[in-house]
């Protein structure tokens, strides 16, 4: 039997591996490659734009070696098994 619960959240530790510079012709933003601990081998690396905001709303960038936290959160309440 399943019942509706709260939003599901899972957090993973991760480390910034490298900065990927944008190609001058395509105009894509600089990206950061992040290695997620605990993920399957094929899905361990994430690449996201390297433009984040801090707690005060300032634009910041990550550097190689930085330790970060990756969160996965459901938009709808999760089903809880009993």
C-alpha atoms as a PDB file:
ATOM      1  CA  UNK A   1       0.000   0.000   0.000  1.00  0.00           C
ATOM      2  CA  UNK A   2       1.321   3.435  -0.925  1.00  0.00           C
ATOM      3  CA  UNK A   3       0.348   6.769   0.566  1.00  0.00           C
ATOM      4  CA  UNK A   4       1.314  10.302  -0.388  1.00  0.00           C
ATOM      5  CA  UNK A   5       4.185  11.756   1.582  1.00  0.00           C
ATOM      6  CA  UNK A   6       6.397  14.826   1.547  1.00  0.00           C
ATOM      7  CA  UNK A   7       8.632  15.862  -1.320  1.00  0.00           C
ATOM      8  CA  UNK A   8      11.451  13.406  -1.899  1.00  0.00           C
ATOM      9  CA  UNK A   9      14.948  14.864  -1.523  1.00  0.00           C
ATOM     10  CA  UNK A  10      18.328  13.190  -2.002  1.00  0.00           C
ATOM     11  CA  UNK A  11      21.681  14.954  -1.607  1.00  0.00           C
ATOM     12  CA  UNK A  12      24.999  13.810  -3.047  1.00  0.00           C
ATOM     13  CA  UNK A  13      28.538  15.002  -2.395  1.00  0.00           C
ATOM     14  CA  UNK A  14      30.381  16.030  -5.523  1.00  0.00           C
ATOM     15  CA  UNK A  15      33.647  17.580  -6.643  1.00  0.00           C
ATOM     16  CA  UNK A  16      34.336  20.001  -9.476  1.00  0.00           C
ATOM     17  CA  UNK A  17      36.662  18.215 -11.899  1.00  0.00           C
ATOM     18  CA  UNK A  18      37.280  20.825 -14.557  1.00  0.00           C
ATOM     19  CA  UNK A  19      36.136  23.997 -16.271  1.00  0.00           C
ATOM     20  CA  UNK A  20      34.989  23.702 -19.884  1.00  0.00           C
ATOM     21  CA  UNK A  21      35.666  26.900 -21.784  1.00  0.00           C
ATOM     22  CA  UNK A  22      32.986  28.039 -24.236  1.00  0.00           C
ATOM     23  CA  UNK A  23      33.532  27.675 -27.966  1.00  0.00           C
ATOM     24  CA  UNK A  24      33.891  31.209 -29.404  1.00  0.00           C
ATOM     25  CA  UNK A  25      31.649  30.480 -32.414  1.00  0.00           C
ATOM     26  CA  UNK A  26      28.694  28.818 -30.676  1.00  0.00           C
ATOM     27  CA  UNK A  27      28.370  31.310 -27.819  1.00  0.00           C
ATOM     28  CA  UNK A  28      27.601  28.686 -25.173  1.00  0.00           C
ATOM     29  CA  UNK A  29      28.367  29.605 -21.560  1.00  0.00           C
ATOM     30  CA  UNK A  30      31.384  28.310 -19.662  1.00  0.00           C
ATOM     31  CA  UNK A  31      30.516  24.985 -18.043  1.00  0.00           C
ATOM     32  CA  UNK A  32      31.767  23.094 -15.031  1.00  0.00           C
ATOM     33  CA  UNK A  33      32.163  19.302 -14.957  1.00  0.00           C
ATOM     34  CA  UNK A  34      31.149  17.811 -11.612  1.00  0.00           C
ATOM     35  CA  UNK A  35      31.814  14.235 -10.415  1.00  0.00           C
ATOM     36  CA  UNK A  36      28.946  12.972  -8.228  1.00  0.00           C
ATOM     37  CA  UNK A  37      29.928  10.506  -5.486  1.00  0.00           C
ATOM     38  CA  UNK A  38      27.702   7.451  -5.231  1.00  0.00           C
ATOM     39  CA  UNK A  39      26.304   7.677  -8.765  1.00  0.00           C
ATOM     40  CA  UNK A  40      26.631   4.836 -11.279  1.00  0.00           C
ATOM     41  CA  UNK A  41      29.768   5.038 -13.414  1.00  0.00           C
ATOM     42  CA  UNK A  42      27.939   6.104 -16.591  1.00  0.00           C
ATOM     43  CA  UNK A  43      26.059   8.896 -14.784  1.00  0.00           C
ATOM     44  CA  UNK A  44      28.757  10.191 -12.445  1.00  0.00           C
ATOM     45  CA  UNK A  45      29.643  13.332 -14.405  1.00  0.00           C
ATOM     46  CA  UNK A  46      27.386  16.368 -14.733  1.00  0.00           C
ATOM     47  CA  UNK A  47      28.052  19.432 -16.859  1.00  0.00           C
ATOM     48  CA  UNK A  48      26.239  22.606 -15.929  1.00  0.00           C
ATOM     49  CA  UNK A  49      26.742  26.313 -16.680  1.00  0.00           C
ATOM     50  CA  UNK A  50      29.367  27.807 -14.370  1.00  0.00           C
ATOM     51  CA  UNK A  51      27.233  30.760 -13.326  1.00  0.00           C
ATOM     52  CA  UNK A  52      25.763  30.455  -9.851  1.00  0.00           C
ATOM     53  CA  UNK A  53      24.584  32.851  -7.173  1.00  0.00           C
ATOM     54  CA  UNK A  54      25.672  32.967  -3.554  1.00  0.00           C
ATOM     55  CA  UNK A  55      23.446  33.580  -0.519  1.00  0.00           C
ATOM     56  CA  UNK A  56      23.633  37.338  -1.084  1.00  0.00           C
ATOM     57  CA  UNK A  57      22.640  37.148  -4.759  1.00  0.00           C
ATOM     58  CA  UNK A  58      26.134  37.765  -6.150  1.00  0.00           C
ATOM     59  CA  UNK A  59      27.200  35.889  -9.286  1.00  0.00           C
ATOM     60  CA  UNK A  60      29.939  33.357  -8.519  1.00  0.00           C
ATOM     61  CA  UNK A  61      31.876  30.675 -10.417  1.00  0.00           C
ATOM     62  CA  UNK A  62      33.189  27.320  -9.246  1.00  0.00           C
ATOM     63  CA  UNK A  63      36.853  26.305  -9.453  1.00  0.00           C
ATOM     64  CA  UNK A  64      38.384  22.851 -10.003  1.00  0.00           C
ATOM     65  CA  UNK A  65      38.623  20.882  -6.758  1.00  0.00           C
ATOM     66  CA  UNK A  66      35.701  22.684  -5.105  1.00  0.00           C
ATOM     67  CA  UNK A  67      33.449  20.404  -3.058  1.00  0.00           C
ATOM     68  CA  UNK A  68      29.753  20.885  -3.810  1.00  0.00           C
ATOM     69  CA  UNK A  69      26.436  19.270  -2.962  1.00  0.00           C
ATOM     70  CA  UNK A  70      24.035  18.095  -5.667  1.00  0.00           C
ATOM     71  CA  UNK A  71      20.370  17.875  -4.610  1.00  0.00           C
ATOM     72  CA  UNK A  72      17.562  16.026  -6.348  1.00  0.00           C
ATOM     73  CA  UNK A  73      14.095  17.083  -5.289  1.00  0.00           C
ATOM     74  CA  UNK A  74      10.710  15.920  -6.532  1.00  0.00           C
ATOM     75  CA  UNK A  75       8.182  18.534  -7.609  1.00  0.00           C
ATOM     76  CA  UNK A  76       5.278  16.452  -6.346  1.00  0.00           C
ATOM     77  CA  UNK A  77       4.874  14.561  -3.073  1.00  0.00           C
ATOM     78  CA  UNK A  78       6.457  11.127  -3.192  1.00  0.00           C
ATOM     79  CA  UNK A  79       4.651   7.869  -2.542  1.00  0.00           C
ATOM     80  CA  UNK A  80       5.581   6.252   0.757  1.00  0.00           C
ATOM     81  CA  UNK A  81       5.509   2.481   0.981  1.00  0.00           C
ATOM     82  CA  UNK A  82       4.238   0.967   4.188  1.00  0.00           C
END
